[in-house]
Amino acid sequence: MTETQASVDSKNFFERNTMLVFGLGVAFLVIALILGALLLGAHELQLQTLSRYDKQTNAEGVDLPGPKNKISKRSQLQIDTLLAESPHVLGGWIAKLSYNKTESPVVYYWARVPIIDETMRLYKEMQESGKGYSSDELNKASAQSLRNSEEAKTGLIKCGPLEVTNLPKIAPRIVDLARGVCRATLPPFDQDVNLALVVVIDIPGDGTGPDIQSIRRTMLQLQIDIFNRDYQGRETWARPTN
């Protein structure tokens, strides 16, 4: 076959298959448009999901709740959500580590079981009656006090048996369900703003298994996110909100 004949045959092939080539081109274009739409939709969904991630939450000049020994509504929602996802957590609360004799140290609490509600009620009633302890009195009465411990100064998460707290004295029925407690201070670690996260669990607090490690990770996330949100005004919990 001569070069001229090959050129003619090639030309005839493309002429005969014009519709096929055109159809393939259209198909590739449609596929590209569909993929582009899918990628754009996925990107928009991700932006909506993380719409509050790393976003300033406080307007200039507005006081943040943290320095007033309070936590925000969103922090309360996060506590409720994450503790509810931890099957061995019976309840948890944010406590002040500096309080007077007639002031309840509990800032906010979440309960899975009624005994935690009862414990919080008895705790509040005891403090308001003046029969409880101030933080200074508790520090002198117990070597297990969290406020002056090394854990409080560094933010370490410490878990142990229920007996390291005075909860069995406040609500004796709690020993029927609870077997341990985990505690962690919330930064910043100073005398004016000093809060702690406490959770009561139904497994031994001095264990080292995966369940305890999961509880520790949950508490660590709460430590970080509450600090970023309520003390620095920056949202770091990537969760859609209504």
Protein backbone atom coordinates (compact mmCIF):
# COMPACT_ATOMS: atom_id res chain seq x y z
CA MET A 1 0.00 0.00 0.00
CA THR A 2 1.35 3.41 -1.00
CA GLU A 3 1.47 6.42 1.30
CA THR A 4 -1.27 8.10 -0.76
CA GLN A 5 -3.56 5.09 -0.42
CA ALA A 6 -3.01 4.97 3.41
CA SER A 7 -3.92 8.64 3.71
CA VAL A 8 -7.09 8.11 1.69
CA ASP A 9 -8.10 5.06 3.78
CA SER A 10 -7.53 7.01 7.03
CA LYS A 11 -9.64 9.88 5.74
CA ASN A 12 -12.40 7.51 4.72
CA PHE A 13 -12.33 5.85 8.19
CA PHE A 14 -12.91 9.17 10.00
CA GLU A 15 -15.60 10.16 7.49
CA ARG A 16 -17.43 6.87 8.06
CA ASN A 17 -17.18 7.17 11.85
CA THR A 18 -17.94 10.83 12.31
CA MET A 19 -21.06 10.09 14.38
CA LEU A 20 -19.15 7.65 16.57
CA VAL A 21 -16.40 10.18 17.30
CA PHE A 22 -18.98 12.91 17.97
CA GLY A 23 -20.93 10.61 20.30
CA LEU A 24 -17.82 9.74 22.28
CA GLY A 25 -16.98 13.39 22.65
CA VAL A 26 -20.45 14.22 23.95
CA ALA A 27 -20.33 11.29 26.37
CA PHE A 28 -16.99 12.42 27.80
CA LEU A 29 -18.34 15.97 28.16
CA VAL A 30 -21.45 14.76 30.02
CA ILE A 31 -19.33 12.59 32.33
CA ALA A 32 -17.04 15.54 33.09
CA LEU A 33 -20.03 17.77 33.90
CA ILE A 34 -21.56 15.13 36.22
CA LEU A 35 -18.25 14.61 38.07
CA GLY A 36 -17.82 18.35 38.42
CA ALA A 37 -21.31 18.72 39.86
CA LEU A 38 -20.72 15.87 42.31
CA LEU A 39 -17.41 17.34 43.49
CA LEU A 40 -18.96 20.78 43.87
CA GLY A 41 -21.86 19.34 45.85
CA ALA A 42 -19.53 17.41 48.13
CA HIS A 43 -17.44 20.53 48.73
CA GLU A 44 -20.53 22.61 49.60
CA LEU A 45 -21.75 19.89 51.99
CA GLN A 46 -18.35 19.85 53.70
CA LEU A 47 -18.45 23.63 54.07
CA GLN A 48 -21.93 23.44 55.61
CA THR A 49 -20.86 20.68 58.00
CA LEU A 50 -17.82 22.62 59.12
CA SER A 51 -19.44 26.03 58.86
CA ARG A 52 -18.54 26.83 62.48
CA TYR A 53 -15.17 25.17 62.54
CA ASP A 54 -12.39 27.50 63.62
CA LYS A 55 -14.75 30.48 63.55
CA GLN A 56 -14.72 33.39 65.94
CA THR A 57 -17.76 33.10 68.23
CA ASN A 58 -17.60 36.34 70.18
CA ALA A 59 -18.14 39.88 69.01
CA GLU A 60 -15.58 42.46 69.98
CA GLY A 61 -16.23 43.85 73.43
CA VAL A 62 -18.52 40.99 74.53
CA ASP A 63 -17.40 39.13 77.63
CA LEU A 64 -16.80 35.42 77.22
CA PRO A 65 -18.55 33.12 79.71
CA GLY A 66 -15.41 31.28 80.81
CA PRO A 67 -13.89 33.97 83.05
CA LYS A 68 -17.18 34.17 84.97
CA ASN A 69 -17.02 30.48 85.89
CA LYS A 70 -19.72 29.67 83.37
CA ILE A 71 -19.85 27.64 80.19
CA SER A 72 -21.71 28.44 77.00
CA LYS A 73 -24.85 26.74 75.70
CA ARG A 74 -22.81 25.15 72.93
CA SER A 75 -20.38 23.71 75.47
CA GLN A 76 -23.35 22.31 77.36
CA LEU A 77 -24.57 20.72 74.13
CA GLN A 78 -21.15 19.21 73.49
CA ILE A 79 -20.97 17.80 77.02
CA ASP A 80 -24.42 16.24 76.62
CA THR A 81 -23.56 14.83 73.20
CA LEU A 82 -20.14 13.37 73.91
CA LEU A 83 -20.96 11.95 77.34
CA ALA A 84 -24.13 10.36 75.94
CA GLU A 85 -21.92 8.62 73.37
CA SER A 86 -19.77 7.12 76.15
CA PRO A 87 -21.64 4.01 77.34
CA HIS A 88 -19.78 3.72 80.66
CA VAL A 89 -20.35 7.34 81.74
CA LEU A 90 -23.25 7.63 84.22
CA GLY A 91 -23.07 11.40 84.38
CA GLY A 92 -20.72 14.32 84.37
CA TRP A 93 -20.51 17.93 85.41
CA ILE A 94 -18.45 21.08 85.31
CA ALA A 95 -17.40 22.14 88.81
CA LYS A 96 -15.81 25.26 90.21
CA LEU A 97 -12.64 24.59 92.15
CA SER A 98 -12.97 27.80 94.16
CA TYR A 99 -16.23 28.29 96.07
CA ASN A 100 -17.49 29.28 99.49
CA LYS A 101 -19.30 27.20 102.09
CA THR A 102 -22.82 28.03 100.92
CA GLU A 103 -22.13 28.07 97.19
CA SER A 104 -22.70 25.02 95.00
CA PRO A 105 -19.59 24.26 92.98
CA VAL A 106 -21.58 22.61 90.16
CA VAL A 107 -21.82 24.88 87.13
CA TYR A 108 -23.59 22.42 84.81
CA TYR A 109 -24.28 18.70 84.77
CA TRP A 110 -25.51 15.91 82.48
CA ALA A 111 -27.04 12.68 83.80
CA ARG A 112 -27.70 9.32 82.21
CA VAL A 113 -29.24 7.79 85.34
CA PRO A 114 -31.51 9.25 88.07
CA ILE A 115 -28.88 8.73 90.78
CA ILE A 116 -26.76 11.49 89.23
CA ASP A 117 -29.73 13.85 89.34
CA GLU A 118 -30.20 12.90 92.99
CA THR A 119 -26.50 13.39 93.73
CA MET A 120 -26.53 16.86 92.19
CA ARG A 121 -29.65 17.82 94.13
CA LEU A 122 -28.21 16.59 97.43
CA TYR A 123 -24.89 18.29 96.68
CA LYS A 124 -26.66 21.61 96.03
CA GLU A 125 -28.85 21.29 99.14
CA MET A 126 -25.88 20.41 101.35
CA GLN A 127 -23.90 23.41 100.19
CA GLU A 128 -26.80 25.82 100.53
CA SER A 129 -27.49 24.57 104.05
CA GLY A 130 -23.95 25.41 105.13
CA LYS A 131 -23.20 21.79 106.05
CA GLY A 132 -20.88 21.31 103.12
CA TYR A 133 -17.31 22.46 102.62
CA SER A 134 -15.80 25.45 100.98
CA SER A 135 -13.02 24.70 98.54
CA ASP A 136 -10.41 25.77 101.12
CA GLU A 137 -11.95 23.50 103.77
CA LEU A 138 -12.06 20.61 101.35
CA ASN A 139 -8.43 21.15 100.45
CA LYS A 140 -7.45 20.90 104.12
CA ALA A 141 -9.69 17.90 104.78
CA SER A 142 -8.64 15.76 101.83
CA ALA A 143 -5.30 14.93 100.30
CA GLN A 144 -7.25 13.88 97.19
CA SER A 145 -8.43 17.41 96.46
CA LEU A 146 -8.17 18.18 92.77
CA ARG A 147 -7.62 21.88 93.11
CA ASN A 148 -4.09 21.79 94.52
CA SER A 149 -2.98 18.60 92.78
CA GLU A 150 -0.37 18.35 90.08
CA GLU A 151 -3.15 17.27 87.73
CA ALA A 152 -4.93 20.57 88.29
CA LYS A 153 -1.79 22.54 87.48
CA THR A 154 -1.06 20.66 84.26
CA GLY A 155 -4.52 19.66 83.09
CA LEU A 156 -3.83 15.94 83.23
CA ILE A 157 -6.82 13.62 83.26
CA LYS A 158 -6.89 11.46 86.37
CA CYS A 159 -9.16 8.45 86.88
CA GLY A 160 -9.55 6.44 90.05
CA PRO A 161 -12.00 4.63 92.34
CA LEU A 162 -15.13 6.40 93.51
CA GLU A 163 -13.78 6.52 97.06
CA VAL A 164 -11.31 9.28 96.14
CA THR A 165 -14.28 11.68 96.15
CA ASN A 166 -16.85 12.57 98.80
CA LEU A 167 -19.72 11.49 96.53
CA PRO A 168 -20.55 8.32 98.54
CA LYS A 169 -21.02 10.52 101.61
CA ILE A 170 -23.26 12.94 99.74
CA ALA A 171 -25.39 10.31 97.98
CA PRO A 172 -24.79 6.80 99.40
CA ARG A 173 -26.90 5.15 96.70
CA ILE A 174 -24.36 6.13 94.06
CA VAL A 175 -22.17 3.18 95.08
CA ASP A 176 -24.83 0.81 93.71
CA LEU A 177 -23.98 1.87 90.17
CA ALA A 178 -20.72 3.79 90.07
CA ARG A 179 -17.28 2.23 90.30
CA GLY A 180 -14.98 5.05 89.33
CA VAL A 181 -14.52 8.71 88.56
CA CYS A 182 -12.40 10.70 86.12
CA ARG A 183 -11.46 14.35 86.63
CA ALA A 184 -9.72 16.98 84.58
CA THR A 185 -9.26 20.69 85.10
CA LEU A 186 -10.12 23.07 82.28
CA PRO A 187 -7.55 25.63 81.15
CA PRO A 188 -6.55 28.33 81.79
CA PHE A 189 -5.11 27.10 85.07
CA ASP A 190 -5.24 30.12 87.36
CA GLN A 191 -6.91 31.10 90.62
CA ASP A 192 -9.61 33.30 89.10
CA VAL A 193 -10.77 30.91 86.37
CA ASN A 194 -10.47 27.34 87.47
CA LEU A 195 -13.07 24.79 86.42
CA ALA A 196 -12.99 21.00 86.33
CA LEU A 197 -14.76 18.34 84.31
CA VAL A 198 -15.84 15.34 86.44
CA VAL A 199 -17.43 12.15 85.12
CA VAL A 200 -18.76 9.19 87.11
CA ILE A 201 -18.31 5.82 85.43
CA ASP A 202 -19.60 2.28 85.93
CA ILE A 203 -16.19 0.64 85.37
CA PRO A 204 -13.11 0.71 87.64
CA GLY A 205 -11.43 4.07 87.39
CA ASP A 206 -7.98 2.59 87.91
CA GLY A 207 -8.27 0.38 84.83
CA THR A 208 -6.15 0.81 81.71
CA GLY A 209 -8.30 -0.91 79.09
CA PRO A 210 -9.80 0.56 75.91
CA ASP A 211 -12.97 1.72 77.68
CA ILE A 212 -11.03 3.94 80.08
CA GLN A 213 -8.87 5.22 77.24
CA SER A 214 -11.99 6.13 75.27
CA ILE A 215 -13.34 8.11 78.25
CA ARG A 216 -10.00 9.89 78.57
CA ARG A 217 -10.08 10.87 74.89
CA THR A 218 -13.61 12.25 75.27
CA MET A 219 -12.54 14.32 78.27
CA LEU A 220 -9.47 15.57 76.42
CA GLN A 221 -11.64 16.75 73.52
CA LEU A 222 -13.94 18.55 75.95
CA GLN A 223 -10.94 20.14 77.69
CA ILE A 224 -9.62 21.51 74.42
CA ASP A 225 -12.92 22.55 72.86
CA ILE A 226 -14.37 24.26 75.95
CA PHE A 227 -11.14 26.22 76.40
CA ASN A 228 -11.06 27.29 72.75
CA ARG A 229 -14.74 28.19 72.71
CA ASP A 230 -15.44 29.71 76.14
CA TYR A 231 -12.07 31.28 76.91
CA GLN A 232 -10.68 32.16 73.49
CA GLY A 233 -13.90 32.64 71.54
CA ARG A 234 -12.94 30.18 68.83
CA GLU A 235 -15.14 27.26 67.78
CA THR A 236 -13.31 23.97 67.28
CA TRP A 237 -16.07 21.37 67.55
CA ALA A 238 -16.97 20.54 63.97
CA ARG A 239 -20.66 19.67 64.32
CA PRO A 240 -23.59 21.03 62.30
CA THR A 241 -25.99 23.18 64.29
CA ASN A 242 -29.49 24.34 63.53
